[in-house]
Amino acid sequence: MPRIRMTVKQVLNMTPQQINRATTRDIRAAVRALSDAASKRLKAFTSKHLTSSAERYIRQSGGVKSTRKMKLPELRQEFARLRGFITAETGTIAGERAVREQVVSELQKSGITISVNDYDLFWRAYEELAKQNSNVREKRALKYQVLEQLTEKVYDSKTPKTVADIVAAMQDKVTELYEKKQESVEKENDDLSDFFTVGEDMET
């Protein structure tokens, strides 16, 4: 039986109903088309010495896999994984560059200056810090302070320019910023407590 050939455009135009009704042979053909496109994009990222969240995800989850021994359930999972990469905003060089320029512009509006060239180093260090301490991402005020300090470390001539070195140089600072933030919150709570206590004393 001749092999089914599909284009990426045909695959991306498939409706949820068509995907659900697709046979193993159909899904395998679709995954093949997506795999070819994904391989070309990964090579492009490598040749441009560029990375993105979508590119890192696809590499860390196995890259472009062989589908020869995959059954239908596995093929469907692979279809969804590759389709997610192909359609992601940062799944192309142009898309990643556009996102970087937008993020850099937004940071500048907040008083944080980072060059597009240092974007990778800056955000990979931030993501690693956020992974080690969830408060970095969850607390808005702390996040802003960490980004400010991170900018200084990225451009500090005394700090080696690797993610690991920048994170190591930032760890004590993150703890210090968090403790100061907690002290500020506790003081505000104490002040509120004193205010209501005074109010109660006046009523009695």
C-alpha atoms as a PDB file:
ATOM      1  CA  MET A   1       0.000   0.000   0.000  1.00  0.00           C
ATOM      2  CA  PRO A   2       1.528   3.379  -1.030  1.00  0.00           C
ATOM      3  CA  ARG A   3       2.501   5.791   1.747  1.00  0.00           C
ATOM      4  CA  ILE A   4       0.095   8.666   2.397  1.00  0.00           C
ATOM      5  CA  ARG A   5       1.724  12.058   1.967  1.00  0.00           C
ATOM      6  CA  MET A   6       0.425  15.206   3.642  1.00  0.00           C
ATOM      7  CA  THR A   7       1.602  18.803   3.766  1.00  0.00           C
ATOM      8  CA  VAL A   8       1.922  20.730   7.018  1.00  0.00           C
ATOM      9  CA  LYS A   9      -0.863  23.038   5.841  1.00  0.00           C
ATOM     10  CA  GLN A  10      -3.192  20.069   5.336  1.00  0.00           C
ATOM     11  CA  VAL A  11      -2.334  18.730   8.788  1.00  0.00           C
ATOM     12  CA  LEU A  12      -2.916  22.055  10.523  1.00  0.00           C
ATOM     13  CA  ASN A  13      -6.250  22.442   8.731  1.00  0.00           C
ATOM     14  CA  MET A  14      -7.547  19.145  10.122  1.00  0.00           C
ATOM     15  CA  THR A  15     -10.623  19.634  12.297  1.00  0.00           C
ATOM     16  CA  PRO A  16     -10.969  17.952  15.731  1.00  0.00           C
ATOM     17  CA  GLN A  17     -13.553  15.621  14.169  1.00  0.00           C
ATOM     18  CA  GLN A  18     -11.147  14.608  11.390  1.00  0.00           C
ATOM     19  CA  ILE A  19      -8.376  14.007  13.897  1.00  0.00           C
ATOM     20  CA  ASN A  20     -10.633  11.839  16.084  1.00  0.00           C
ATOM     21  CA  ARG A  21     -11.789   9.785  13.088  1.00  0.00           C
ATOM     22  CA  ALA A  22      -8.313   9.425  11.569  1.00  0.00           C
ATOM     23  CA  THR A  23      -6.871   5.934  11.205  1.00  0.00           C
ATOM     24  CA  THR A  24      -3.406   4.904  12.370  1.00  0.00           C
ATOM     25  CA  ARG A  25      -2.204   5.291   8.785  1.00  0.00           C
ATOM     26  CA  ASP A  26      -3.636   8.822   8.515  1.00  0.00           C
ATOM     27  CA  ILE A  27      -2.229   9.998  11.846  1.00  0.00           C
ATOM     28  CA  ARG A  28       1.172   8.524  11.037  1.00  0.00           C
ATOM     29  CA  ALA A  29       1.222  10.501   7.782  1.00  0.00           C
ATOM     30  CA  ALA A  30       0.250  13.673   9.642  1.00  0.00           C
ATOM     31  CA  VAL A  31       2.945  13.135  12.285  1.00  0.00           C
ATOM     32  CA  ARG A  32       5.501  12.530   9.538  1.00  0.00           C
ATOM     33  CA  ALA A  33       4.698  15.914   7.983  1.00  0.00           C
ATOM     34  CA  LEU A  34       4.908  17.649  11.362  1.00  0.00           C
ATOM     35  CA  SER A  35       8.180  15.865  12.184  1.00  0.00           C
ATOM     36  CA  ASP A  36       9.793  17.070   8.950  1.00  0.00           C
ATOM     37  CA  ALA A  37       8.728  20.647   9.667  1.00  0.00           C
ATOM     38  CA  ALA A  38       9.867  20.428  13.300  1.00  0.00           C
ATOM     39  CA  SER A  39      13.291  19.090  12.258  1.00  0.00           C
ATOM     40  CA  LYS A  40      13.814  22.018   9.885  1.00  0.00           C
ATOM     41  CA  ARG A  41      12.821  24.517  12.554  1.00  0.00           C
ATOM     42  CA  LEU A  42      15.129  22.977  15.167  1.00  0.00           C
ATOM     43  CA  LYS A  43      18.023  23.119  12.698  1.00  0.00           C
ATOM     44  CA  ALA A  44      17.206  26.777  12.039  1.00  0.00           C
ATOM     45  CA  PHE A  45      17.273  27.571  15.772  1.00  0.00           C
ATOM     46  CA  THR A  46      20.628  25.806  16.082  1.00  0.00           C
ATOM     47  CA  SER A  47      22.160  27.566  13.082  1.00  0.00           C
ATOM     48  CA  LYS A  48      21.051  30.960  14.418  1.00  0.00           C
ATOM     49  CA  HIS A  49      22.303  30.129  17.951  1.00  0.00           C
ATOM     50  CA  LEU A  50      18.824  30.974  19.188  1.00  0.00           C
ATOM     51  CA  THR A  51      16.449  29.317  21.611  1.00  0.00           C
ATOM     52  CA  SER A  52      12.821  29.790  22.671  1.00  0.00           C
ATOM     53  CA  SER A  53      10.358  28.317  25.163  1.00  0.00           C
ATOM     54  CA  ALA A  54       8.723  26.254  22.390  1.00  0.00           C
ATOM     55  CA  GLU A  55      12.094  25.067  21.055  1.00  0.00           C
ATOM     56  CA  ARG A  56      13.324  24.095  24.530  1.00  0.00           C
ATOM     57  CA  TYR A  57      10.085  22.243  25.265  1.00  0.00           C
ATOM     58  CA  ILE A  58      10.254  20.156  22.093  1.00  0.00           C
ATOM     59  CA  ARG A  59      13.913  19.250  22.693  1.00  0.00           C
ATOM     60  CA  GLN A  60      13.421  18.449  26.383  1.00  0.00           C
ATOM     61  CA  SER A  61      10.380  16.274  25.632  1.00  0.00           C
ATOM     62  CA  GLY A  62      12.308  14.077  23.208  1.00  0.00           C
ATOM     63  CA  GLY A  63      12.945  16.131  20.079  1.00  0.00           C
ATOM     64  CA  VAL A  64      11.749  14.594  16.825  1.00  0.00           C
ATOM     65  CA  LYS A  65      10.983  10.956  17.571  1.00  0.00           C
ATOM     66  CA  SER A  66      10.783   7.895  15.357  1.00  0.00           C
ATOM     67  CA  THR A  67       7.153   6.846  14.916  1.00  0.00           C
ATOM     68  CA  ARG A  68       7.824   3.466  13.328  1.00  0.00           C
ATOM     69  CA  LYS A  69       6.779   1.420  16.368  1.00  0.00           C
ATOM     70  CA  MET A  70       4.161   3.815  17.728  1.00  0.00           C
ATOM     71  CA  LYS A  71       0.586   2.634  18.141  1.00  0.00           C
ATOM     72  CA  LEU A  72      -2.426   4.910  17.565  1.00  0.00           C
ATOM     73  CA  PRO A  73      -2.584   6.356  21.135  1.00  0.00           C
ATOM     74  CA  GLU A  74       1.142   7.239  21.024  1.00  0.00           C
ATOM     75  CA  LEU A  75       0.774   8.711  17.540  1.00  0.00           C
ATOM     76  CA  ARG A  76      -2.036  10.948  18.751  1.00  0.00           C
ATOM     77  CA  GLN A  77       0.134  12.178  21.639  1.00  0.00           C
ATOM     78  CA  GLU A  78       3.015  12.838  19.258  1.00  0.00           C
ATOM     79  CA  PHE A  79       0.639  14.623  16.874  1.00  0.00           C
ATOM     80  CA  ALA A  80      -0.485  16.970  19.678  1.00  0.00           C
ATOM     81  CA  ARG A  81       3.083  17.586  20.902  1.00  0.00           C
ATOM     82  CA  LEU A  82       4.483  18.461  17.457  1.00  0.00           C
ATOM     83  CA  ARG A  83       1.406  20.449  16.439  1.00  0.00           C
ATOM     84  CA  GLY A  84       1.807  22.512  19.603  1.00  0.00           C
ATOM     85  CA  PHE A  85       5.385  23.340  18.626  1.00  0.00           C
ATOM     86  CA  ILE A  86       4.580  24.145  15.005  1.00  0.00           C
ATOM     87  CA  THR A  87       1.715  26.478  15.950  1.00  0.00           C
ATOM     88  CA  ALA A  88       3.423  28.111  18.970  1.00  0.00           C
ATOM     89  CA  GLU A  89       4.175  31.819  18.763  1.00  0.00           C
ATOM     90  CA  THR A  90       7.811  31.098  19.609  1.00  0.00           C
ATOM     91  CA  GLY A  91       8.020  28.044  17.355  1.00  0.00           C
ATOM     92  CA  THR A  92       9.748  30.014  14.593  1.00  0.00           C
ATOM     93  CA  ILE A  93      12.803  32.269  14.463  1.00  0.00           C
ATOM     94  CA  ALA A  94      10.665  35.250  13.390  1.00  0.00           C
ATOM     95  CA  GLY A  95       8.091  34.582  16.094  1.00  0.00           C
ATOM     96  CA  GLU A  96      10.704  34.284  18.846  1.00  0.00           C
ATOM     97  CA  ARG A  97      12.428  37.496  17.757  1.00  0.00           C
ATOM     98  CA  ALA A  98       9.118  39.367  17.721  1.00  0.00           C
ATOM     99  CA  VAL A  99       8.300  38.157  21.243  1.00  0.00           C
ATOM    100  CA  ARG A 100      11.754  39.154  22.483  1.00  0.00           C
ATOM    101  CA  GLU A 101      11.418  42.662  21.086  1.00  0.00           C
ATOM    102  CA  GLN A 102       7.987  43.019  22.660  1.00  0.00           C
ATOM    103  CA  VAL A 103       9.174  41.788  26.080  1.00  0.00           C
ATOM    104  CA  VAL A 104      12.271  44.004  26.003  1.00  0.00           C
ATOM    105  CA  SER A 105      10.043  46.983  25.126  1.00  0.00           C
ATOM    106  CA  GLU A 106       7.652  46.224  28.010  1.00  0.00           C
ATOM    107  CA  LEU A 107      10.546  45.856  30.461  1.00  0.00           C
ATOM    108  CA  GLN A 108      11.952  49.199  29.356  1.00  0.00           C
ATOM    109  CA  LYS A 109       8.605  50.840  30.162  1.00  0.00           C
ATOM    110  CA  SER A 110       9.047  49.515  33.715  1.00  0.00           C
ATOM    111  CA  GLY A 111      12.562  50.922  33.936  1.00  0.00           C
ATOM    112  CA  ILE A 112      14.340  47.594  33.314  1.00  0.00           C
ATOM    113  CA  THR A 113      16.764  47.696  30.396  1.00  0.00           C
ATOM    114  CA  ILE A 114      17.904  44.461  28.778  1.00  0.00           C
ATOM    115  CA  SER A 115      19.253  44.035  25.257  1.00  0.00           C
ATOM    116  CA  VAL A 116      17.763  41.551  22.818  1.00  0.00           C
ATOM    117  CA  ASN A 117      21.205  39.907  22.601  1.00  0.00           C
ATOM    118  CA  ASP A 118      21.167  39.138  26.338  1.00  0.00           C
ATOM    119  CA  TYR A 119      17.549  37.958  26.345  1.00  0.00           C
ATOM    120  CA  ASP A 120      18.379  34.231  26.528  1.00  0.00           C
ATOM    121  CA  LEU A 121      20.776  34.620  29.430  1.00  0.00           C
ATOM    122  CA  PHE A 122      18.450  36.986  31.294  1.00  0.00           C
ATOM    123  CA  TRP A 123      15.279  34.868  31.058  1.00  0.00           C
ATOM    124  CA  ARG A 124      16.916  31.486  31.526  1.00  0.00           C
ATOM    125  CA  ALA A 125      18.474  32.811  34.734  1.00  0.00           C
ATOM    126  CA  TYR A 126      15.094  34.208  35.824  1.00  0.00           C
ATOM    127  CA  GLU A 127      13.304  30.919  35.041  1.00  0.00           C
ATOM    128  CA  GLU A 128      15.899  28.995  37.074  1.00  0.00           C
ATOM    129  CA  LEU A 129      15.491  31.369  40.028  1.00  0.00           C
ATOM    130  CA  ALA A 130      11.691  31.046  39.798  1.00  0.00           C
ATOM    131  CA  LYS A 131      12.037  27.263  39.727  1.00  0.00           C
ATOM    132  CA  GLN A 132      14.108  27.320  42.907  1.00  0.00           C
ATOM    133  CA  ASN A 133      11.872  29.858  44.669  1.00  0.00           C
ATOM    134  CA  SER A 134       8.200  30.037  43.640  1.00  0.00           C
ATOM    135  CA  ASN A 135       7.809  33.419  45.371  1.00  0.00           C
ATOM    136  CA  VAL A 136       9.887  34.990  42.591  1.00  0.00           C
ATOM    137  CA  ARG A 137       7.115  34.362  40.077  1.00  0.00           C
ATOM    138  CA  GLU A 138       4.063  34.517  42.326  1.00  0.00           C
ATOM    139  CA  LYS A 139       4.695  37.811  44.147  1.00  0.00           C
ATOM    140  CA  ARG A 140       4.534  40.700  41.702  1.00  0.00           C
ATOM    141  CA  ALA A 141       6.560  43.235  43.715  1.00  0.00           C
ATOM    142  CA  LEU A 142       9.281  40.669  44.399  1.00  0.00           C
ATOM    143  CA  LYS A 143       9.351  39.670  40.730  1.00  0.00           C
ATOM    144  CA  TYR A 144      10.022  43.272  39.692  1.00  0.00           C
ATOM    145  CA  GLN A 145      12.827  43.641  42.249  1.00  0.00           C
ATOM    146  CA  VAL A 146      14.393  40.359  41.152  1.00  0.00           C
ATOM    147  CA  LEU A 147      14.288  41.441  37.501  1.00  0.00           C
ATOM    148  CA  GLU A 148      16.010  44.714  38.425  1.00  0.00           C
ATOM    149  CA  GLN A 149      18.759  42.911  40.344  1.00  0.00           C
ATOM    150  CA  LEU A 150      19.087  40.308  37.610  1.00  0.00           C
ATOM    151  CA  THR A 151      19.726  43.036  35.050  1.00  0.00           C
ATOM    152  CA  GLU A 152      22.614  44.295  37.168  1.00  0.00           C
ATOM    153  CA  LYS A 153      24.113  40.799  37.430  1.00  0.00           C
ATOM    154  CA  VAL A 154      23.842  40.193  33.673  1.00  0.00           C
ATOM    155  CA  TYR A 155      25.808  43.384  33.001  1.00  0.00           C
ATOM    156  CA  ASP A 156      28.158  43.162  35.990  1.00  0.00           C
ATOM    157  CA  SER A 157      31.685  42.610  34.657  1.00  0.00           C
ATOM    158  CA  LYS A 158      32.574  40.725  37.864  1.00  0.00           C
ATOM    159  CA  THR A 159      29.812  38.127  37.350  1.00  0.00           C
ATOM    160  CA  PRO A 160      30.679  35.280  34.917  1.00  0.00           C
ATOM    161  CA  LYS A 161      28.194  35.187  32.047  1.00  0.00           C
ATOM    162  CA  THR A 162      26.587  31.761  32.494  1.00  0.00           C
ATOM    163  CA  VAL A 163      23.114  30.988  33.811  1.00  0.00           C
ATOM    164  CA  ALA A 164      24.514  28.914  36.700  1.00  0.00           C
ATOM    165  CA  ASP A 165      26.912  31.671  37.796  1.00  0.00           C
ATOM    166  CA  ILE A 166      24.268  34.404  37.617  1.00  0.00           C
ATOM    167  CA  VAL A 167      21.773  32.275  39.561  1.00  0.00           C
ATOM    168  CA  ALA A 168      24.409  31.509  42.196  1.00  0.00           C
ATOM    169  CA  ALA A 169      25.212  35.223  42.493  1.00  0.00           C
ATOM    170  CA  MET A 170      21.490  36.036  42.820  1.00  0.00           C
ATOM    171  CA  GLN A 171      20.380  33.424  45.362  1.00  0.00           C
ATOM    172  CA  ASP A 172      21.338  35.349  48.501  1.00  0.00           C
ATOM    173  CA  LYS A 173      19.860  38.517  47.005  1.00  0.00           C
ATOM    174  CA  VAL A 174      16.537  36.788  46.309  1.00  0.00           C
ATOM    175  CA  THR A 175      16.375  35.564  49.915  1.00  0.00           C
ATOM    176  CA  GLU A 176      17.197  39.054  51.177  1.00  0.00           C
ATOM    177  CA  LEU A 177      14.522  40.673  48.984  1.00  0.00           C
ATOM    178  CA  TYR A 178      11.916  38.121  50.087  1.00  0.00           C
ATOM    179  CA  GLU A 179      12.725  38.595  53.787  1.00  0.00           C
ATOM    180  CA  LYS A 180      12.478  42.382  53.431  1.00  0.00           C
ATOM    181  CA  LYS A 181       9.141  41.984  51.670  1.00  0.00           C
ATOM    182  CA  GLN A 182       7.873  39.744  54.463  1.00  0.00           C
ATOM    183  CA  GLU A 183       9.032  42.229  57.106  1.00  0.00           C
ATOM    184  CA  SER A 184       7.166  44.991  55.268  1.00  0.00           C
ATOM    185  CA  VAL A 185       3.968  42.900  55.133  1.00  0.00           C
ATOM    186  CA  GLU A 186       4.252  42.003  58.834  1.00  0.00           C
ATOM    187  CA  LYS A 187       4.755  45.685  59.753  1.00  0.00           C
ATOM    188  CA  GLU A 188       1.658  46.641  57.762  1.00  0.00           C
ATOM    189  CA  ASN A 189      -0.329  43.933  59.558  1.00  0.00           C
ATOM    190  CA  ASP A 190       0.957  45.148  62.947  1.00  0.00           C
ATOM    191  CA  ASP A 191       0.002  48.733  62.079  1.00  0.00           C
ATOM    192  CA  LEU A 192      -3.493  47.615  61.086  1.00  0.00           C
ATOM    193  CA  SER A 193      -3.790  45.575  64.268  1.00  0.00           C
ATOM    194  CA  ASP A 194      -2.766  48.618  66.366  1.00  0.00           C
ATOM    195  CA  PHE A 195      -5.274  50.791  64.496  1.00  0.00           C
ATOM    196  CA  PHE A 196      -8.195  48.458  65.222  1.00  0.00           C
ATOM    197  CA  THR A 197      -7.071  48.002  68.839  1.00  0.00           C
ATOM    198  CA  VAL A 198      -7.112  51.772  69.327  1.00  0.00           C
ATOM    199  CA  GLY A 199     -10.543  51.911  67.750  1.00  0.00           C
ATOM    200  CA  GLU A 200     -11.833  49.243  70.149  1.00  0.00           C
ATOM    201  CA  ASP A 201     -10.366  51.097  73.163  1.00  0.00           C
ATOM    202  CA  MET A 202     -12.148  54.301  72.145  1.00  0.00           C
ATOM    203  CA  GLU A 203     -15.489  52.503  71.913  1.00  0.00           C
ATOM    204  CA  THR A 204     -15.225  51.009  75.416  1.00  0.00           C
END
